[in-house]
Amino acid sequence: MKRHLIPSLIVGLSALALVACSTGSTGSTGATAPAATAAPANTGGALAGKKVLYVDALPGNALLDGLAQGLAAELTKQGAKVARVFQLNAQNQIDLAAANQRINEGIAQGVDAIVTFPLDANAIRPGVDAATKAGIPIFTFQALGGLDVTGKVRFPDEARGEATGKGVAALAGGTGEATVMSGQPTDNVEAAVRGAVKGLTGGGMTLVGDPNNQRNLKDDAPEAQRIAMTIFQKNPNLRVLVVYNSASATGAIAAAQQAGVADKVLIATMAGEDTNVDQVKKGTLALTYDLNGLDYGKVMGQMVAKALSGTKMTNEVVDAPTGTIYTKDNVGTYIPWSQRLTYADIPSKF
């Protein structure tokens, strides 16, 4: 059975040794860290007095921090208190069993709702069952099968892949050879790659290579560079390369420069970060897809608020909104997530 993991976490999770780089809620440190302020409290809101526990994966990940900030912003403006904890063990390493421990701690604290980012559906099932037995609404980011919860936010993985493929195909004039660099064979990566292939072929490109044989299993730029070099060597007429995440884009750009095809091959990423926006501005990356995790979190917050206001739901699925494509034509309008929303200092306790 495939695991359901966000791509940027996969390698560390495989080794179960991904050491968190920060314990702050923004997950960033140093000069580039977004400013954090105390989470605002609306004591007169409809959810005043309600406590919501967010069992997150780990700090220091841009997407996860965006989810958390969007969730907290939506709930605190309605008066709820939000705490964020992580699935880390005493050694500050990812531990699948820690999710159940955090959930049980929340149950003992009498929280009113629990939101989780499951790293493995089977591993978190005992905690989900415990919350359900205790009568506490429990929600998951990602619409994982096999988990009966109150509600789920489904990520538009295939849609973002298709949008990326169509977008870069248009930049290439709808003609020429194209291929996709994939990642770990998880459901969300597979869906995004499937969408990218659909978008490329629908946009007029001729698909070459097989994404199943072009996987960045190490999930880093050096491995992406190695794989991209092989792709360029095997496909001298390649016009478009779509990659699945930020690190892969950086590696592919380096490979294109090394192979002398940087002015010939258009590179696009299905999950961009601020680094990729800078690459688009420099002209080394043709297209980046901004997921906007803040909106994912807000959608989750709205569903939690609905349940806390008395609406009964079981396995409710809400789709997260699609993101935005940035190319050289509109990259100047990009606003970093931490400037779209003032990042709050989400506490670990109530």
Protein backbone atom coordinates (compact mmCIF):
# COMPACT_ATOMS: atom_id res chain seq x y z
CA MET A 1 0.00 0.00 0.00
CA LYS A 2 1.31 3.45 -0.85
CA ARG A 3 2.18 5.86 1.88
CA HIS A 4 0.60 9.27 1.88
CA LEU A 5 3.34 11.80 2.51
CA ILE A 6 4.14 15.32 1.43
CA PRO A 7 7.08 14.92 -1.00
CA SER A 8 9.49 17.21 0.83
CA LEU A 9 9.26 15.01 3.95
CA ILE A 10 9.67 11.62 2.34
CA VAL A 11 13.39 10.97 2.55
CA GLY A 12 13.66 11.84 6.23
CA LEU A 13 10.58 9.85 7.03
CA SER A 14 11.93 6.80 5.25
CA ALA A 15 14.87 6.85 7.62
CA LEU A 16 12.70 8.06 10.53
CA ALA A 17 15.56 10.36 11.34
CA LEU A 18 14.54 13.78 10.09
CA VAL A 19 15.73 16.10 12.82
CA ALA A 20 13.55 19.17 13.23
CA CYS A 21 15.43 22.37 12.52
CA SER A 22 13.27 24.52 14.75
CA THR A 23 10.71 24.29 17.49
CA GLY A 24 9.02 27.59 16.68
CA SER A 25 5.67 27.60 14.99
CA THR A 26 6.94 29.36 11.89
CA GLY A 27 9.48 26.64 11.35
CA SER A 28 12.09 29.11 10.16
CA THR A 29 15.16 30.55 11.75
CA GLY A 30 17.68 33.21 10.90
CA ALA A 31 17.38 36.37 8.85
CA THR A 32 14.80 34.96 6.45
CA ALA A 33 12.37 33.79 9.12
CA PRO A 34 8.92 35.37 8.88
CA ALA A 35 8.11 37.54 11.84
CA ALA A 36 5.88 35.83 14.38
CA THR A 37 3.43 37.55 16.67
CA ALA A 38 1.21 36.24 19.40
CA ALA A 39 -1.89 34.55 18.01
CA PRO A 40 -4.78 37.05 18.25
CA ALA A 41 -7.73 36.17 20.42
CA ASN A 42 -11.31 37.13 19.65
CA THR A 43 -12.90 36.55 23.02
CA GLY A 44 -16.31 37.47 21.65
CA GLY A 45 -16.21 35.10 18.69
CA ALA A 46 -18.61 32.24 18.03
CA LEU A 47 -15.94 29.71 19.04
CA ALA A 48 -14.81 31.48 22.21
CA GLY A 49 -13.66 28.93 24.78
CA LYS A 50 -13.11 26.15 22.21
CA LYS A 51 -9.71 24.44 22.09
CA VAL A 52 -8.37 22.94 18.87
CA LEU A 53 -5.22 20.82 18.83
CA TYR A 54 -3.22 20.56 15.61
CA VAL A 55 -1.02 17.46 15.47
CA ASP A 56 1.43 18.49 12.77
CA ALA A 57 4.28 16.51 11.24
CA LEU A 58 7.33 18.62 12.02
CA PRO A 59 8.47 22.24 12.07
CA GLY A 60 10.70 23.85 9.47
CA ASN A 61 8.68 22.91 6.36
CA ALA A 62 7.25 25.79 4.33
CA LEU A 63 4.07 24.01 3.28
CA LEU A 64 3.31 22.64 6.74
CA ASP A 65 3.90 26.03 8.33
CA GLY A 66 1.50 27.55 5.81
CA LEU A 67 -1.18 25.00 6.65
CA ALA A 68 -0.76 25.68 10.36
CA GLN A 69 -0.86 29.45 9.99
CA GLY A 70 -3.95 29.39 7.79
CA LEU A 71 -5.70 27.02 10.19
CA ALA A 72 -4.85 29.11 13.24
CA ALA A 73 -5.85 32.37 11.58
CA GLU A 74 -9.28 31.05 10.63
CA LEU A 75 -10.04 29.59 14.06
CA THR A 76 -8.60 32.29 16.32
CA LYS A 77 -10.53 35.03 14.53
CA GLN A 78 -13.66 33.17 15.64
CA GLY A 79 -12.45 32.97 19.23
CA ALA A 80 -10.98 29.46 19.42
CA LYS A 81 -7.62 28.69 20.96
CA VAL A 82 -5.20 26.68 18.80
CA ALA A 83 -2.16 24.69 19.91
CA ARG A 84 0.33 23.03 17.54
CA VAL A 85 2.37 19.97 18.43
CA PHE A 86 4.57 17.70 16.35
CA GLN A 87 5.05 14.01 15.65
CA LEU A 88 8.53 13.95 17.14
CA ASN A 89 10.06 11.69 19.76
CA ALA A 90 12.33 12.62 22.67
CA GLN A 91 15.28 12.76 20.26
CA ASN A 92 13.44 15.38 18.17
CA GLN A 93 13.06 12.92 15.31
CA ILE A 94 9.99 11.96 13.29
CA ASP A 95 8.20 9.07 14.99
CA LEU A 96 4.99 7.68 13.49
CA ALA A 97 3.85 6.49 16.93
CA ALA A 98 4.09 10.03 18.28
CA ALA A 99 0.93 11.04 16.43
CA ASN A 100 -1.17 8.76 18.60
CA GLN A 101 0.58 10.02 21.72
CA ARG A 102 -0.17 13.65 20.81
CA ILE A 103 -3.81 12.80 20.05
CA ASN A 104 -4.22 10.99 23.38
CA GLU A 105 -2.66 13.95 25.19
CA GLY A 106 -5.23 16.18 23.53
CA ILE A 107 -8.05 13.88 24.59
CA ALA A 108 -6.77 14.01 28.18
CA GLN A 109 -6.69 17.82 28.02
CA GLY A 110 -10.33 17.91 26.97
CA VAL A 111 -9.83 19.58 23.61
CA ASP A 112 -12.89 20.27 21.50
CA ALA A 113 -11.41 19.19 18.15
CA ILE A 114 -8.23 17.68 16.75
CA VAL A 115 -6.66 18.31 13.35
CA THR A 116 -3.88 16.03 12.10
CA PHE A 117 -1.39 15.80 9.26
CA PRO A 118 -1.08 12.00 8.98
CA LEU A 119 2.27 10.63 7.89
CA ASP A 120 0.87 7.12 7.65
CA ALA A 121 -2.80 6.13 7.65
CA ASN A 122 -2.29 2.83 9.46
CA ALA A 123 0.01 4.29 12.10
CA ILE A 124 -2.39 7.05 13.12
CA ARG A 125 -5.54 4.89 13.14
CA PRO A 126 -5.41 4.08 16.91
CA GLY A 127 -5.37 7.79 17.72
CA VAL A 128 -8.20 8.52 15.32
CA ASP A 129 -10.27 5.72 16.86
CA ALA A 130 -9.52 7.00 20.37
CA ALA A 131 -10.68 10.52 19.50
CA THR A 132 -13.84 9.19 17.88
CA LYS A 133 -14.59 7.04 20.94
CA ALA A 134 -14.12 10.11 23.14
CA GLY A 135 -16.60 12.04 21.01
CA ILE A 136 -14.00 14.53 19.79
CA PRO A 137 -14.23 15.62 16.13
CA ILE A 138 -11.00 14.72 14.32
CA PHE A 139 -9.87 15.95 10.91
CA THR A 140 -7.05 15.19 8.48
CA PHE A 141 -5.15 17.13 5.89
CA GLN A 142 -5.21 14.91 2.76
CA ALA A 143 -8.19 12.72 1.95
CA LEU A 144 -6.65 9.42 2.97
CA GLY A 145 -8.58 6.24 2.36
CA GLY A 146 -9.07 3.80 5.21
CA LEU A 147 -9.48 6.44 7.89
CA ASP A 148 -12.95 7.25 9.22
CA VAL A 149 -12.76 10.80 10.51
CA THR A 150 -15.01 13.79 10.88
CA GLY A 151 -13.64 15.59 7.85
CA LYS A 152 -10.76 15.77 5.39
CA VAL A 153 -9.20 18.43 3.19
CA ARG A 154 -8.32 16.94 -0.17
CA PHE A 155 -5.26 18.32 -1.93
CA PRO A 156 -5.70 19.13 -5.67
CA ASP A 157 -2.61 17.19 -6.70
CA GLU A 158 -3.72 16.05 -10.15
CA ALA A 159 -5.16 19.48 -10.89
CA ARG A 160 -1.90 21.27 -10.04
CA GLY A 161 0.03 18.80 -12.16
CA GLU A 162 -2.28 19.32 -15.12
CA ALA A 163 -2.16 23.11 -14.74
CA THR A 164 1.63 23.02 -14.65
CA GLY A 165 1.82 20.78 -17.72
CA LYS A 166 -0.61 22.88 -19.72
CA GLY A 167 1.08 26.10 -18.66
CA VAL A 168 4.59 25.12 -19.69
CA ALA A 169 3.30 23.47 -22.89
CA ALA A 170 1.84 26.83 -23.86
CA LEU A 171 5.18 28.51 -23.18
CA ALA A 172 6.79 25.97 -25.52
CA GLY A 173 4.32 26.79 -28.26
CA GLY A 174 2.45 23.51 -27.89
CA THR A 175 5.00 21.51 -29.82
CA GLY A 176 8.10 19.42 -29.13
CA GLU A 177 9.19 16.71 -26.72
CA ALA A 178 8.44 16.79 -23.01
CA THR A 179 8.93 14.58 -19.98
CA VAL A 180 8.34 14.50 -16.23
CA MET A 181 10.73 13.86 -13.34
CA SER A 182 8.77 12.12 -10.58
CA GLY A 183 9.54 11.39 -6.93
CA GLN A 184 8.66 8.80 -4.33
CA PRO A 185 5.67 6.65 -5.43
CA THR A 186 3.21 8.16 -2.96
CA ASP A 187 -0.39 8.91 -3.82
CA ASN A 188 0.01 12.67 -3.99
CA VAL A 189 3.16 12.53 -6.13
CA GLU A 190 1.61 9.96 -8.47
CA ALA A 191 -1.52 12.10 -8.86
CA ALA A 192 0.51 15.23 -9.62
CA VAL A 193 2.64 13.39 -12.19
CA ARG A 194 -0.46 11.91 -13.78
CA GLY A 195 -1.88 15.41 -14.09
CA ALA A 196 1.36 16.78 -15.54
CA VAL A 197 1.40 14.12 -18.25
CA LYS A 198 -2.23 14.92 -19.06
CA GLY A 199 -1.49 18.63 -19.22
CA LEU A 200 1.58 18.22 -21.42
CA THR A 201 -0.05 15.91 -23.94
CA GLY A 202 -3.26 17.92 -23.91
CA GLY A 203 -1.17 21.00 -24.59
CA GLY A 204 0.31 19.48 -27.73
CA MET A 205 3.61 18.11 -26.43
CA THR A 206 5.00 14.69 -27.34
CA LEU A 207 5.79 12.69 -24.22
CA VAL A 208 9.18 10.97 -24.09
CA GLY A 209 10.71 8.93 -21.30
CA ASP A 210 8.82 7.30 -18.46
CA PRO A 211 8.25 9.17 -15.17
CA ASN A 212 8.36 5.81 -13.38
CA ASN A 213 12.00 5.49 -14.41
CA GLN A 214 12.83 9.12 -13.64
CA ARG A 215 12.27 9.38 -9.91
CA ASN A 216 14.17 11.63 -7.53
CA LEU A 217 14.00 9.14 -4.67
CA LYS A 218 16.51 11.09 -2.59
CA ASP A 219 14.32 14.18 -2.83
CA ASP A 220 17.23 16.59 -3.13
CA ALA A 221 18.83 18.83 -5.74
CA PRO A 222 21.99 16.74 -6.37
CA GLU A 223 19.97 13.63 -7.21
CA ALA A 224 17.63 15.69 -9.39
CA GLN A 225 20.67 17.06 -11.21
CA ARG A 226 21.96 13.54 -11.86
CA ILE A 227 18.59 12.34 -13.16
CA ALA A 228 18.08 15.44 -15.30
CA MET A 229 21.52 14.98 -16.89
CA THR A 230 20.52 11.46 -17.91
CA ILE A 231 17.23 12.77 -19.30
CA PHE A 232 19.01 15.43 -21.37
CA GLN A 233 21.50 12.89 -22.71
CA LYS A 234 18.78 10.45 -23.75
CA ASN A 235 16.55 13.13 -25.24
CA PRO A 236 18.66 15.66 -27.15
CA ASN A 237 15.55 17.27 -28.65
CA LEU A 238 13.78 17.75 -25.33
CA ARG A 239 11.85 20.99 -25.08
CA VAL A 240 10.13 20.72 -21.67
CA LEU A 241 10.98 19.11 -18.33
CA VAL A 242 8.39 19.17 -15.53
CA VAL A 243 9.60 18.30 -12.01
CA TYR A 244 7.53 17.61 -8.93
CA ASN A 245 9.03 19.91 -6.31
CA SER A 246 11.32 22.79 -5.45
CA ALA A 247 14.56 20.87 -4.85
CA SER A 248 14.13 18.97 -8.11
CA ALA A 249 13.76 22.26 -9.98
CA THR A 250 17.03 23.52 -8.53
CA GLY A 251 18.81 20.31 -9.54
CA ALA A 252 17.31 20.30 -13.02
CA ILE A 253 18.39 23.90 -13.58
CA ALA A 254 21.96 22.99 -12.62
CA ALA A 255 21.89 20.02 -15.00
CA ALA A 256 20.58 22.14 -17.87
CA GLN A 257 23.40 24.61 -17.36
CA GLN A 258 25.94 21.80 -17.13
CA ALA A 259 24.62 20.13 -20.28
CA GLY A 260 24.48 23.39 -22.21
CA VAL A 261 20.73 23.21 -22.82
CA ALA A 262 19.56 25.95 -20.46
CA ASP A 263 18.48 28.12 -23.40
CA LYS A 264 16.66 25.22 -25.05
CA VAL A 265 14.76 23.32 -22.35
CA LEU A 266 11.92 24.90 -20.37
CA ILE A 267 11.81 23.65 -16.77
CA ALA A 268 8.68 23.85 -14.61
CA THR A 269 7.89 22.76 -11.05
CA MET A 270 4.53 21.55 -9.71
CA ALA A 271 5.27 22.66 -6.13
CA GLY A 272 7.28 25.84 -5.97
CA GLU A 273 8.66 27.84 -3.06
CA ASP A 274 10.18 31.32 -2.76
CA THR A 275 13.47 29.98 -4.17
CA ASN A 276 11.70 28.96 -7.36
CA VAL A 277 10.09 32.37 -7.71
CA ASP A 278 13.59 33.87 -7.71
CA GLN A 279 14.59 31.34 -10.39
CA VAL A 280 11.67 32.46 -12.56
CA LYS A 281 12.76 36.07 -12.12
CA LYS A 282 16.28 35.12 -13.23
CA GLY A 283 14.95 33.23 -16.23
CA THR A 284 16.40 29.84 -15.25
CA LEU A 285 12.95 28.41 -14.44
CA ALA A 286 10.07 28.82 -16.86
CA LEU A 287 7.17 28.21 -14.48
CA THR A 288 6.47 27.60 -10.82
CA TYR A 289 3.19 26.51 -9.24
CA ASP A 290 2.36 28.17 -5.92
CA LEU A 291 0.21 25.84 -3.80
CA ASN A 292 -0.64 28.57 -1.26
CA GLY A 293 -0.82 26.38 1.82
CA LEU A 294 -2.37 29.25 3.76
CA ASP A 295 -5.63 28.69 1.89
CA TYR A 296 -5.46 24.95 2.56
CA GLY A 297 -5.29 25.74 6.26
CA LYS A 298 -8.14 28.24 6.08
CA VAL A 299 -10.39 25.70 4.37
CA MET A 300 -9.64 23.24 7.16
CA GLY A 301 -10.36 25.91 9.76
CA GLN A 302 -13.74 26.60 8.19
CA MET A 303 -14.66 22.91 8.30
CA VAL A 304 -13.58 22.59 11.94
CA ALA A 305 -15.57 25.70 12.85
CA LYS A 306 -18.62 24.22 11.14
CA ALA A 307 -18.36 21.05 13.23
CA LEU A 308 -17.79 22.99 16.45
CA SER A 309 -20.89 25.04 15.68
CA GLY A 310 -23.03 21.90 15.73
CA THR A 311 -23.03 20.59 12.16
CA LYS A 312 -22.86 16.80 12.12
CA MET A 313 -20.49 15.30 9.58
CA THR A 314 -18.71 12.01 8.91
CA ASN A 315 -15.87 11.66 6.42
CA GLU A 316 -16.75 15.06 5.00
CA VAL A 317 -14.35 15.88 2.14
CA VAL A 318 -13.60 19.47 1.20
CA ASP A 319 -11.31 20.31 -1.70
CA ALA A 320 -8.45 22.69 -1.07
CA PRO A 321 -8.36 25.51 -3.62
CA THR A 322 -6.04 25.33 -6.59
CA GLY A 323 -2.97 27.52 -6.55
CA THR A 324 -1.44 30.03 -8.95
CA ILE A 325 1.02 29.61 -11.81
CA TYR A 326 3.85 32.11 -12.05
CA THR A 327 5.93 32.75 -15.16
CA LYS A 328 8.09 35.68 -16.25
CA ASP A 329 4.90 37.49 -17.25
CA ASN A 330 3.38 37.67 -13.76
CA VAL A 331 6.14 36.73 -11.32
CA GLY A 332 6.41 40.34 -10.25
CA THR A 333 3.02 40.01 -8.56
CA TYR A 334 4.10 37.13 -6.32
CA ILE A 335 3.79 37.80 -2.59
CA PRO A 336 5.55 35.46 -0.11
CA TRP A 337 3.20 33.55 2.16
CA SER A 338 4.54 35.24 5.27
CA GLN A 339 3.59 38.61 3.78
CA ARG A 340 0.08 37.51 2.81
CA LEU A 341 -0.63 36.68 6.44
CA THR A 342 1.13 37.82 9.59
CA TYR A 343 2.54 34.60 10.99
CA ALA A 344 1.39 33.98 14.54
CA ASP A 345 3.32 32.34 17.35
CA ILE A 346 1.15 29.23 17.70
CA PRO A 347 1.71 27.80 21.20
CA SER A 348 2.25 24.13 21.98
CA LYS A 349 -0.04 24.35 25.02
CA PHE A 350 -3.38 25.95 25.81
